[in-house]
Every structure is written in structure tokens, then in C-alpha cells.
Amino acid sequence: MAKRPSKHLRAPRPLSVGAFARADRKDDGEWMVQAMSADAATKTYRCPGCNRSFGPGVAHVVVWPRIPDIGSSSAVEDRRHWHSACWSRRK
């Protein structure tokens, strides 16, 4: 059985910027925020807000900059998965 290539070498999946994402302004700029339901959460992530991991089945939010950073071809490179409460507390 062939091994899958590293996720870091694969092209990123596109962001869903449709009706499900909303803009949110924080002290460091404007962000797009999309809710991820518990049913749709199938991987383990580390929340940048509290640095704790959460696994499949945990509802959370996916956050990315509204405007990509200089040098990034897409904001998808900067998306992160946050606990909903951690993102809400962020200033």
C-alpha cells in the first residue's frame, strides 16, 4: 500500500467563503470565521488560543485572514482551527 504524501506537500483544500463564513474584526485585523459542526470535525487540531488539542467530534471555528499575508498565495495557508470560546475571548 502506497503512503499518502505529507499534508505539507499536498495542495491545500479551498476555503469555503460562501454564506457560511462571516467576517470578524479583532485588534490585529479582519478575519473570516466559519463554524465547524461536531459531525464535520474529523481530525485532531491544536487551538492557537489555548494551545490545547481537540479531536474529532468537537464543534469549533475555522479562522483565516480576510486578506492573505504578503507572500501568501492564498489565505488558506494561514487558516487555523480554534475552540469557539477561545476565538470569542480573543481581542
C-alpha atoms as a PDB file:
ATOM      1  CA  MET A   1       0.000   0.000   0.000  1.00  0.00           C
ATOM      2  CA  ALA A   2       1.389   3.389  -1.005  1.00  0.00           C
ATOM      3  CA  LYS A   3       1.857   6.030   1.660  1.00  0.00           C
ATOM      4  CA  ARG A   4      -0.043   9.289   1.276  1.00  0.00           C
ATOM      5  CA  PRO A   5       2.133  12.335   0.673  1.00  0.00           C
ATOM      6  CA  SER A   6       2.687  14.639   3.618  1.00  0.00           C
ATOM      7  CA  LYS A   7      -0.137  17.153   4.092  1.00  0.00           C
ATOM      8  CA  HIS A   8       2.519  19.844   3.889  1.00  0.00           C
ATOM      9  CA  LEU A   9       3.351  18.791   0.327  1.00  0.00           C
ATOM     10  CA  ARG A  10      -0.262  18.488  -0.878  1.00  0.00           C
ATOM     11  CA  ALA A  11      -2.174  21.466  -2.243  1.00  0.00           C
ATOM     12  CA  PRO A  12      -4.426  22.991   0.432  1.00  0.00           C
ATOM     13  CA  ARG A  13      -8.155  22.422   0.195  1.00  0.00           C
ATOM     14  CA  PRO A  14     -10.070  25.549  -0.801  1.00  0.00           C
ATOM     15  CA  LEU A  15     -11.686  27.756   1.801  1.00  0.00           C
ATOM     16  CA  SER A  16     -15.448  27.988   1.902  1.00  0.00           C
ATOM     17  CA  VAL A  17     -16.022  31.710   1.593  1.00  0.00           C
ATOM     18  CA  GLY A  18     -19.720  31.407   0.844  1.00  0.00           C
ATOM     19  CA  ALA A  19     -22.704  32.071   3.052  1.00  0.00           C
ATOM     20  CA  PHE A  20     -21.262  30.026   5.911  1.00  0.00           C
ATOM     21  CA  ALA A  21     -18.279  32.269   6.651  1.00  0.00           C
ATOM     22  CA  ARG A  22     -18.618  35.601   8.439  1.00  0.00           C
ATOM     23  CA  ALA A  23     -16.207  38.488   8.867  1.00  0.00           C
ATOM     24  CA  ASP A  24     -14.937  39.240  12.377  1.00  0.00           C
ATOM     25  CA  ARG A  25     -12.742  42.190  13.356  1.00  0.00           C
ATOM     26  CA  LYS A  26     -10.052  41.723  16.024  1.00  0.00           C
ATOM     27  CA  ASP A  27      -7.253  44.034  17.189  1.00  0.00           C
ATOM     28  CA  ASP A  28      -4.904  42.573  14.566  1.00  0.00           C
ATOM     29  CA  GLY A  29      -7.228  42.834  11.564  1.00  0.00           C
ATOM     30  CA  GLU A  30     -10.233  41.333   9.870  1.00  0.00           C
ATOM     31  CA  TRP A  31     -10.751  37.584   9.848  1.00  0.00           C
ATOM     32  CA  MET A  32     -13.132  35.169   8.175  1.00  0.00           C
ATOM     33  CA  VAL A  33     -14.748  32.742  10.608  1.00  0.00           C
ATOM     34  CA  GLN A  34     -16.586  29.565   9.706  1.00  0.00           C
ATOM     35  CA  ALA A  35     -18.305  27.290  12.201  1.00  0.00           C
ATOM     36  CA  MET A  36     -17.359  23.616  12.048  1.00  0.00           C
ATOM     37  CA  SER A  37     -20.039  21.310  13.397  1.00  0.00           C
ATOM     38  CA  ALA A  38     -19.172  18.332  15.572  1.00  0.00           C
ATOM     39  CA  ASP A  39     -20.289  15.993  12.766  1.00  0.00           C
ATOM     40  CA  ALA A  40     -17.958  17.674  10.277  1.00  0.00           C
ATOM     41  CA  ALA A  41     -14.939  17.727  12.629  1.00  0.00           C
ATOM     42  CA  THR A  42     -12.987  14.609  11.721  1.00  0.00           C
ATOM     43  CA  LYS A  43      -9.385  15.430  12.663  1.00  0.00           C
ATOM     44  CA  THR A  44      -7.350  16.495  15.672  1.00  0.00           C
ATOM     45  CA  TYR A  45      -6.283  20.142  15.859  1.00  0.00           C
ATOM     46  CA  ARG A  46      -4.352  22.371  18.264  1.00  0.00           C
ATOM     47  CA  CYS A  47      -6.106  25.591  19.233  1.00  0.00           C
ATOM     48  CA  PRO A  48      -3.747  28.593  18.924  1.00  0.00           C
ATOM     49  CA  GLY A  49      -5.724  30.378  21.649  1.00  0.00           C
ATOM     50  CA  CYS A  50      -5.090  27.919  24.487  1.00  0.00           C
ATOM     51  CA  ASN A  51      -2.525  25.587  22.856  1.00  0.00           C
ATOM     52  CA  ARG A  52      -4.670  22.553  23.766  1.00  0.00           C
ATOM     53  CA  SER A  53      -5.631  19.912  21.246  1.00  0.00           C
ATOM     54  CA  PHE A  54      -9.145  18.806  20.432  1.00  0.00           C
ATOM     55  CA  GLY A  55     -10.189  15.814  18.423  1.00  0.00           C
ATOM     56  CA  PRO A  56     -12.876  14.594  16.087  1.00  0.00           C
ATOM     57  CA  GLY A  57     -16.444  15.321  17.084  1.00  0.00           C
ATOM     58  CA  VAL A  58     -15.698  18.687  18.726  1.00  0.00           C
ATOM     59  CA  ALA A  59     -17.526  21.693  17.264  1.00  0.00           C
ATOM     60  CA  HIS A  60     -15.175  24.645  16.695  1.00  0.00           C
ATOM     61  CA  VAL A  61     -14.419  27.501  14.280  1.00  0.00           C
ATOM     62  CA  VAL A  62     -12.013  27.721  11.365  1.00  0.00           C
ATOM     63  CA  VAL A  63     -10.415  31.168  11.053  1.00  0.00           C
ATOM     64  CA  TRP A  64      -8.341  32.755   8.291  1.00  0.00           C
ATOM     65  CA  PRO A  65      -7.296  36.310   7.398  1.00  0.00           C
ATOM     66  CA  ARG A  66      -9.717  38.132   5.109  1.00  0.00           C
ATOM     67  CA  ILE A  67      -6.713  39.399   3.127  1.00  0.00           C
ATOM     68  CA  PRO A  68      -3.787  36.981   2.640  1.00  0.00           C
ATOM     69  CA  ASP A  69      -0.451  37.923   4.189  1.00  0.00           C
ATOM     70  CA  ILE A  70       2.217  39.310   1.872  1.00  0.00           C
ATOM     71  CA  GLY A  71       3.990  36.372   0.294  1.00  0.00           C
ATOM     72  CA  SER A  72       1.000  34.026   0.680  1.00  0.00           C
ATOM     73  CA  SER A  73      -0.743  32.966  -2.474  1.00  0.00           C
ATOM     74  CA  SER A  74      -3.937  32.321  -0.517  1.00  0.00           C
ATOM     75  CA  ALA A  75      -5.306  32.884   2.968  1.00  0.00           C
ATOM     76  CA  VAL A  76      -5.845  29.110   3.145  1.00  0.00           C
ATOM     77  CA  GLU A  77      -2.189  28.824   4.146  1.00  0.00           C
ATOM     78  CA  ASP A  78      -2.964  30.818   7.298  1.00  0.00           C
ATOM     79  CA  ARG A  79      -6.206  29.143   8.417  1.00  0.00           C
ATOM     80  CA  ARG A  80      -6.360  27.799  11.943  1.00  0.00           C
ATOM     81  CA  HIS A  81      -8.864  25.779  13.946  1.00  0.00           C
ATOM     82  CA  TRP A  82      -9.899  27.395  17.245  1.00  0.00           C
ATOM     83  CA  HIS A  83     -12.126  26.410  20.129  1.00  0.00           C
ATOM     84  CA  SER A  84     -15.191  28.621  19.696  1.00  0.00           C
ATOM     85  CA  ALA A  85     -14.790  30.036  23.211  1.00  0.00           C
ATOM     86  CA  CYS A  86     -11.083  30.810  22.686  1.00  0.00           C
ATOM     87  CA  TRP A  87     -11.873  32.732  19.492  1.00  0.00           C
ATOM     88  CA  SER A  88     -14.713  34.620  21.210  1.00  0.00           C
ATOM     89  CA  ARG A  89     -12.374  35.702  24.051  1.00  0.00           C
ATOM     90  CA  ARG A  90      -9.669  36.864  21.646  1.00  0.00           C
ATOM     91  CA  LYS A  91      -9.373  40.639  21.329  1.00  0.00           C
END
